[in-house]
């Protein structure tokens, strides 16, 4: 399993998303958490402006796009939809982003993530 990964938050239109490296242990734990999620059938909702989710890309090319309770996980060229009813993966990424985002941007992203809580 790939030990290194990059995370980003899709929050800007027309600009590159803020991106940061994950520590190897954090990368492995996040991948395990994604792979442990049950397979789902819903696709990620089409959202407009503002927060549109987190993306994690591992060094082996696997990628997870996390928005609310849906995780699109691409591994080996195949896309799987995973359901995260508790939104634990999104919360983990949000908390991990705090050290890498400008405080004002973190607050804005956190408020949008929390506003979407049921």
Protein backbone atom coordinates (compact mmCIF):
# COMPACT_ATOMS: atom_id res chain seq x y z
CA UNK A 1 0.00 0.00 0.00
CA UNK A 2 1.31 3.45 -0.90
CA UNK A 3 2.69 5.36 2.04
CA UNK A 4 2.69 8.88 0.66
CA UNK A 5 -0.23 11.03 -0.38
CA UNK A 6 -1.25 14.58 -1.19
CA UNK A 7 -4.51 16.08 0.03
CA UNK A 8 -6.33 19.11 -1.30
CA UNK A 9 -9.56 20.96 -0.66
CA UNK A 10 -11.65 22.08 -3.63
CA UNK A 11 -12.92 25.46 -2.58
CA UNK A 12 -11.84 27.97 -5.25
CA UNK A 13 -13.15 28.42 -8.77
CA UNK A 14 -10.48 29.07 -11.36
CA UNK A 15 -7.58 28.65 -8.92
CA UNK A 16 -5.47 25.71 -7.88
CA UNK A 17 -6.75 24.12 -4.67
CA UNK A 18 -4.68 24.35 -1.50
CA UNK A 19 -2.63 21.14 -1.34
CA UNK A 20 -0.51 19.53 1.37
CA UNK A 21 1.41 16.32 1.98
CA UNK A 22 0.17 13.70 4.40
CA UNK A 23 2.56 11.98 6.77
CA UNK A 24 3.06 8.29 5.87
CA UNK A 25 1.12 7.03 8.91
CA UNK A 26 -1.71 9.48 8.23
CA UNK A 27 -1.77 8.45 4.57
CA UNK A 28 -1.97 4.74 5.41
CA UNK A 29 -4.67 5.27 8.06
CA UNK A 30 -6.75 7.37 5.69
CA UNK A 31 -6.50 4.77 2.92
CA UNK A 32 -7.51 2.03 5.34
CA UNK A 33 -10.47 4.13 6.48
CA UNK A 34 -11.62 4.66 2.89
CA UNK A 35 -11.22 1.00 1.99
CA UNK A 36 -13.18 -0.04 5.10
CA UNK A 37 -16.24 1.99 4.04
CA UNK A 38 -19.18 0.04 2.63
CA UNK A 39 -19.73 0.12 -1.11
CA UNK A 40 -22.52 2.50 -2.08
CA UNK A 41 -24.57 3.36 -5.12
CA UNK A 42 -25.04 7.13 -4.91
CA UNK A 43 -22.73 9.45 -6.80
CA UNK A 44 -21.26 12.61 -5.41
CA UNK A 45 -23.79 15.45 -5.71
CA UNK A 46 -23.12 18.17 -8.25
CA UNK A 47 -22.33 21.26 -6.21
CA UNK A 48 -21.87 24.84 -7.26
CA UNK A 49 -19.51 27.39 -5.81
CA UNK A 50 -17.70 27.15 -2.51
CA UNK A 51 -16.63 23.97 -0.80
CA UNK A 52 -16.74 20.96 -3.13
CA UNK A 53 -14.86 18.41 -1.07
CA UNK A 54 -11.42 17.01 -0.36
CA UNK A 55 -9.27 14.94 -2.70
CA UNK A 56 -6.49 12.60 -1.63
CA UNK A 57 -4.06 11.20 -4.20
CA UNK A 58 -1.71 8.41 -3.18
CA UNK A 59 1.67 7.84 -4.84
CA UNK A 60 0.40 4.68 -6.56
CA UNK A 61 -2.27 6.72 -8.38
CA UNK A 62 -5.25 5.81 -6.20
CA UNK A 63 -7.50 8.76 -5.46
CA UNK A 64 -10.40 9.47 -3.12
CA UNK A 65 -12.72 12.42 -3.55
CA UNK A 66 -14.68 13.04 -0.36
CA UNK A 67 -17.80 15.18 -0.17
CA UNK A 68 -20.24 14.82 2.68
CA UNK A 69 -21.13 11.14 3.04
CA UNK A 70 -19.99 9.99 -0.41
CA UNK A 71 -16.44 8.95 -1.28
CA UNK A 72 -15.47 8.29 -4.89
CA UNK A 73 -12.48 5.99 -4.70
CA UNK A 74 -10.47 5.33 -7.86
CA UNK A 75 -8.00 2.49 -7.63
CA UNK A 76 -6.52 0.46 -10.44
CA UNK A 77 -8.41 2.57 -12.97
CA UNK A 78 -11.79 1.58 -11.52
CA UNK A 79 -14.12 3.93 -9.68
CA UNK A 80 -15.89 2.70 -6.58
CA UNK A 81 -18.46 4.66 -4.62
CA UNK A 82 -18.21 4.29 -0.87
CA UNK A 83 -20.68 5.52 1.74
CA UNK A 84 -19.50 7.27 4.88
CA UNK A 85 -22.71 7.86 6.84
CA UNK A 86 -20.83 9.31 9.81
CA UNK A 87 -18.68 11.51 7.53
CA UNK A 88 -15.62 10.38 9.50
CA UNK A 89 -13.28 10.59 6.49
CA UNK A 90 -14.37 14.14 5.68
CA UNK A 91 -13.99 15.14 9.33
CA UNK A 92 -10.52 13.57 9.47
CA UNK A 93 -9.46 15.54 6.39
CA UNK A 94 -10.97 18.75 7.73
CA UNK A 95 -9.12 18.44 11.04
CA UNK A 96 -5.89 17.53 9.25
CA UNK A 97 -6.18 20.57 6.98
CA UNK A 98 -6.09 23.03 9.88
CA UNK A 99 -2.27 23.09 10.00
CA UNK A 100 -2.03 23.65 6.23
CA UNK A 101 -4.68 26.26 5.48
CA UNK A 102 -4.78 29.94 6.22
CA UNK A 103 -6.88 30.34 9.40
CA UNK A 104 -9.59 32.32 7.59
CA UNK A 105 -9.81 29.72 4.83
CA UNK A 106 -9.95 26.89 7.37
CA UNK A 107 -12.80 28.63 9.19
CA UNK A 108 -14.70 29.11 5.92
CA UNK A 109 -14.24 25.46 4.89
CA UNK A 110 -15.15 24.21 8.38
CA UNK A 111 -18.34 26.28 8.41
CA UNK A 112 -19.38 24.87 5.02
CA UNK A 113 -18.62 21.30 6.10
CA UNK A 114 -20.58 21.78 9.32
CA UNK A 115 -23.46 23.53 7.55
CA UNK A 116 -23.95 20.36 5.53
CA UNK A 117 -24.26 18.21 8.67
CA UNK A 118 -27.73 16.66 9.04
